[in-house]
């Protein structure tokens, strides 16, 4: 039981426990808020506002929308949330990899 809890904590820490992932998720949340407010205020005229969160979570959201089993119009919010969490986890793994001592990213010499 403790192993499962430890694994879950590691996944959550990778997804939201670093600055890069937190900033990314805040940007996605702001995009969702913008789309929601635009759709509430402008109604049908703001139909393209829903594209903003999908673009913020690309390429994962675009890959999920492209799956034949997913109906994008019915599950748009779910797709954006899942894609944001997948992207945030990837950002967290990259941040952890680059943050290790001795593994700093260096530019090649010219």
C-alpha atoms as a PDB file:
ATOM      1  CA  UNK A   1       0.000   0.000   0.000  1.00  0.00           C
ATOM      2  CA  UNK A   2       2.826   2.410   0.849  1.00  0.00           C
ATOM      3  CA  UNK A   3       4.497   1.724  -2.500  1.00  0.00           C
ATOM      4  CA  UNK A   4       1.349   2.771  -4.353  1.00  0.00           C
ATOM      5  CA  UNK A   5       1.036   5.915  -2.249  1.00  0.00           C
ATOM      6  CA  UNK A   6       4.690   6.763  -2.850  1.00  0.00           C
ATOM      7  CA  UNK A   7       4.273   6.262  -6.597  1.00  0.00           C
ATOM      8  CA  UNK A   8       1.184   8.466  -6.634  1.00  0.00           C
ATOM      9  CA  UNK A   9       3.059  11.186  -4.749  1.00  0.00           C
ATOM     10  CA  UNK A  10       5.918  11.029  -7.260  1.00  0.00           C
ATOM     11  CA  UNK A  11       3.502  11.384 -10.169  1.00  0.00           C
ATOM     12  CA  UNK A  12       1.714  14.321  -8.544  1.00  0.00           C
ATOM     13  CA  UNK A  13       5.049  15.949  -7.679  1.00  0.00           C
ATOM     14  CA  UNK A  14       6.201  15.553 -11.278  1.00  0.00           C
ATOM     15  CA  UNK A  15       2.932  16.931 -12.647  1.00  0.00           C
ATOM     16  CA  UNK A  16       2.474  19.982 -10.412  1.00  0.00           C
ATOM     17  CA  UNK A  17       5.368  20.028  -7.969  1.00  0.00           C
ATOM     18  CA  UNK A  18       7.783  22.198  -9.917  1.00  0.00           C
ATOM     19  CA  UNK A  19       7.742  25.781 -11.098  1.00  0.00           C
ATOM     20  CA  UNK A  20       7.683  25.044 -14.847  1.00  0.00           C
ATOM     21  CA  UNK A  21       4.658  22.730 -14.600  1.00  0.00           C
ATOM     22  CA  UNK A  22       2.827  25.119 -12.279  1.00  0.00           C
ATOM     23  CA  UNK A  23       3.334  28.039 -14.662  1.00  0.00           C
ATOM     24  CA  UNK A  24       2.150  25.931 -17.606  1.00  0.00           C
ATOM     25  CA  UNK A  25      -0.985  24.820 -15.751  1.00  0.00           C
ATOM     26  CA  UNK A  26      -1.686  28.434 -14.724  1.00  0.00           C
ATOM     27  CA  UNK A  27      -1.490  29.512 -18.380  1.00  0.00           C
ATOM     28  CA  UNK A  28      -3.853  26.712 -19.415  1.00  0.00           C
ATOM     29  CA  UNK A  29      -6.254  27.661 -16.603  1.00  0.00           C
ATOM     30  CA  UNK A  30      -6.164  31.278 -17.779  1.00  0.00           C
ATOM     31  CA  UNK A  31      -6.965  30.107 -21.315  1.00  0.00           C
ATOM     32  CA  UNK A  32      -9.898  28.059 -20.027  1.00  0.00           C
ATOM     33  CA  UNK A  33     -11.128  31.035 -18.006  1.00  0.00           C
ATOM     34  CA  UNK A  34     -10.838  33.294 -21.064  1.00  0.00           C
ATOM     35  CA  UNK A  35     -12.805  30.829 -23.198  1.00  0.00           C
ATOM     36  CA  UNK A  36     -15.486  30.408 -20.543  1.00  0.00           C
ATOM     37  CA  UNK A  37     -15.906  34.135 -19.986  1.00  0.00           C
ATOM     38  CA  UNK A  38     -15.937  34.865 -23.727  1.00  0.00           C
ATOM     39  CA  UNK A  39     -18.583  32.226 -24.335  1.00  0.00           C
ATOM     40  CA  UNK A  40     -20.684  33.503 -21.426  1.00  0.00           C
ATOM     41  CA  UNK A  41     -20.432  37.167 -22.442  1.00  0.00           C
ATOM     42  CA  UNK A  42     -20.616  36.875 -26.225  1.00  0.00           C
ATOM     43  CA  UNK A  43     -22.609  33.662 -26.569  1.00  0.00           C
ATOM     44  CA  UNK A  44     -22.521  32.030 -30.003  1.00  0.00           C
ATOM     45  CA  UNK A  45     -20.317  34.804 -31.392  1.00  0.00           C
ATOM     46  CA  UNK A  46     -17.389  33.508 -29.303  1.00  0.00           C
ATOM     47  CA  UNK A  47     -17.325  30.034 -30.830  1.00  0.00           C
ATOM     48  CA  UNK A  48     -13.615  30.323 -31.681  1.00  0.00           C
ATOM     49  CA  UNK A  49     -12.684  31.122 -28.063  1.00  0.00           C
ATOM     50  CA  UNK A  50     -12.713  27.382 -27.367  1.00  0.00           C
ATOM     51  CA  UNK A  51      -9.735  26.976 -29.696  1.00  0.00           C
ATOM     52  CA  UNK A  52      -7.443  28.850 -27.279  1.00  0.00           C
ATOM     53  CA  UNK A  53      -7.281  26.060 -24.639  1.00  0.00           C
ATOM     54  CA  UNK A  54      -6.844  23.428 -27.358  1.00  0.00           C
ATOM     55  CA  UNK A  55      -3.890  25.319 -28.789  1.00  0.00           C
ATOM     56  CA  UNK A  56      -2.376  25.843 -25.331  1.00  0.00           C
ATOM     57  CA  UNK A  57      -2.424  22.087 -24.768  1.00  0.00           C
ATOM     58  CA  UNK A  58      -1.192  21.115 -28.241  1.00  0.00           C
ATOM     59  CA  UNK A  59       0.118  18.690 -29.466  1.00  0.00           C
ATOM     60  CA  UNK A  60      -1.495  16.304 -26.975  1.00  0.00           C
ATOM     61  CA  UNK A  61      -4.985  17.777 -27.308  1.00  0.00           C
ATOM     62  CA  UNK A  62      -4.788  17.645 -31.091  1.00  0.00           C
ATOM     63  CA  UNK A  63      -3.692  14.008 -30.934  1.00  0.00           C
ATOM     64  CA  UNK A  64      -6.585  13.170 -28.581  1.00  0.00           C
ATOM     65  CA  UNK A  65      -9.096  14.981 -30.779  1.00  0.00           C
ATOM     66  CA  UNK A  66      -7.795  12.983 -33.736  1.00  0.00           C
ATOM     67  CA  UNK A  67      -8.600   9.640 -32.106  1.00  0.00           C
ATOM     68  CA  UNK A  68     -11.577   7.976 -33.781  1.00  0.00           C
ATOM     69  CA  UNK A  69     -13.183   7.033 -30.442  1.00  0.00           C
ATOM     70  CA  UNK A  70     -13.309  10.618 -29.172  1.00  0.00           C
ATOM     71  CA  UNK A  71     -16.127  12.970 -30.029  1.00  0.00           C
ATOM     72  CA  UNK A  72     -14.438  16.364 -29.712  1.00  0.00           C
ATOM     73  CA  UNK A  73     -17.622  18.412 -29.419  1.00  0.00           C
ATOM     74  CA  UNK A  74     -18.874  16.427 -26.425  1.00  0.00           C
ATOM     75  CA  UNK A  75     -15.582  15.982 -24.579  1.00  0.00           C
ATOM     76  CA  UNK A  76     -13.677  19.191 -25.335  1.00  0.00           C
ATOM     77  CA  UNK A  77     -13.122  20.166 -21.702  1.00  0.00           C
ATOM     78  CA  UNK A  78     -12.062  16.645 -20.736  1.00  0.00           C
ATOM     79  CA  UNK A  79      -9.630  16.521 -23.667  1.00  0.00           C
ATOM     80  CA  UNK A  80      -8.068  19.845 -22.639  1.00  0.00           C
ATOM     81  CA  UNK A  81      -7.727  18.794 -18.991  1.00  0.00           C
ATOM     82  CA  UNK A  82      -6.175  15.405 -19.829  1.00  0.00           C
ATOM     83  CA  UNK A  83      -3.844  16.997 -22.388  1.00  0.00           C
ATOM     84  CA  UNK A  84      -2.786  19.683 -19.893  1.00  0.00           C
ATOM     85  CA  UNK A  85      -1.946  17.041 -17.283  1.00  0.00           C
ATOM     86  CA  UNK A  86       0.006  14.951 -19.805  1.00  0.00           C
ATOM     87  CA  UNK A  87       1.928  18.006 -21.023  1.00  0.00           C
ATOM     88  CA  UNK A  88       2.545  19.154 -17.443  1.00  0.00           C
ATOM     89  CA  UNK A  89       3.967  15.747 -16.558  1.00  0.00           C
ATOM     90  CA  UNK A  90       6.282  15.892 -19.580  1.00  0.00           C
ATOM     91  CA  UNK A  91       7.391  19.392 -18.570  1.00  0.00           C
ATOM     92  CA  UNK A  92       7.984  18.169 -15.008  1.00  0.00           C
ATOM     93  CA  UNK A  93      10.097  15.245 -16.211  1.00  0.00           C
ATOM     94  CA  UNK A  94      12.117  17.564 -18.427  1.00  0.00           C
ATOM     95  CA  UNK A  95      12.587  20.052 -15.584  1.00  0.00           C
ATOM     96  CA  UNK A  96      13.708  17.266 -13.259  1.00  0.00           C
ATOM     97  CA  UNK A  97      16.164  15.949 -15.861  1.00  0.00           C
ATOM     98  CA  UNK A  98      17.643  19.380 -16.545  1.00  0.00           C
ATOM     99  CA  UNK A  99      17.738  20.269 -12.870  1.00  0.00           C
ATOM    100  CA  UNK A 100      20.084  17.470 -11.814  1.00  0.00           C
ATOM    101  CA  UNK A 101      23.613  18.479 -10.927  1.00  0.00           C
ATOM    102  CA  UNK A 102      26.095  17.719 -13.674  1.00  0.00           C
ATOM    103  CA  UNK A 103      23.353  17.518 -16.263  1.00  0.00           C
ATOM    104  CA  UNK A 104      23.148  21.179 -17.165  1.00  0.00           C
ATOM    105  CA  UNK A 105      22.258  21.957 -20.714  1.00  0.00           C
ATOM    106  CA  UNK A 106      25.190  23.534 -22.521  1.00  0.00           C
ATOM    107  CA  UNK A 107      25.450  25.011 -25.950  1.00  0.00           C
ATOM    108  CA  UNK A 108      27.968  23.498 -28.381  1.00  0.00           C
ATOM    109  CA  UNK A 109      31.155  25.439 -28.989  1.00  0.00           C
ATOM    110  CA  UNK A 110      31.439  27.230 -32.311  1.00  0.00           C
END
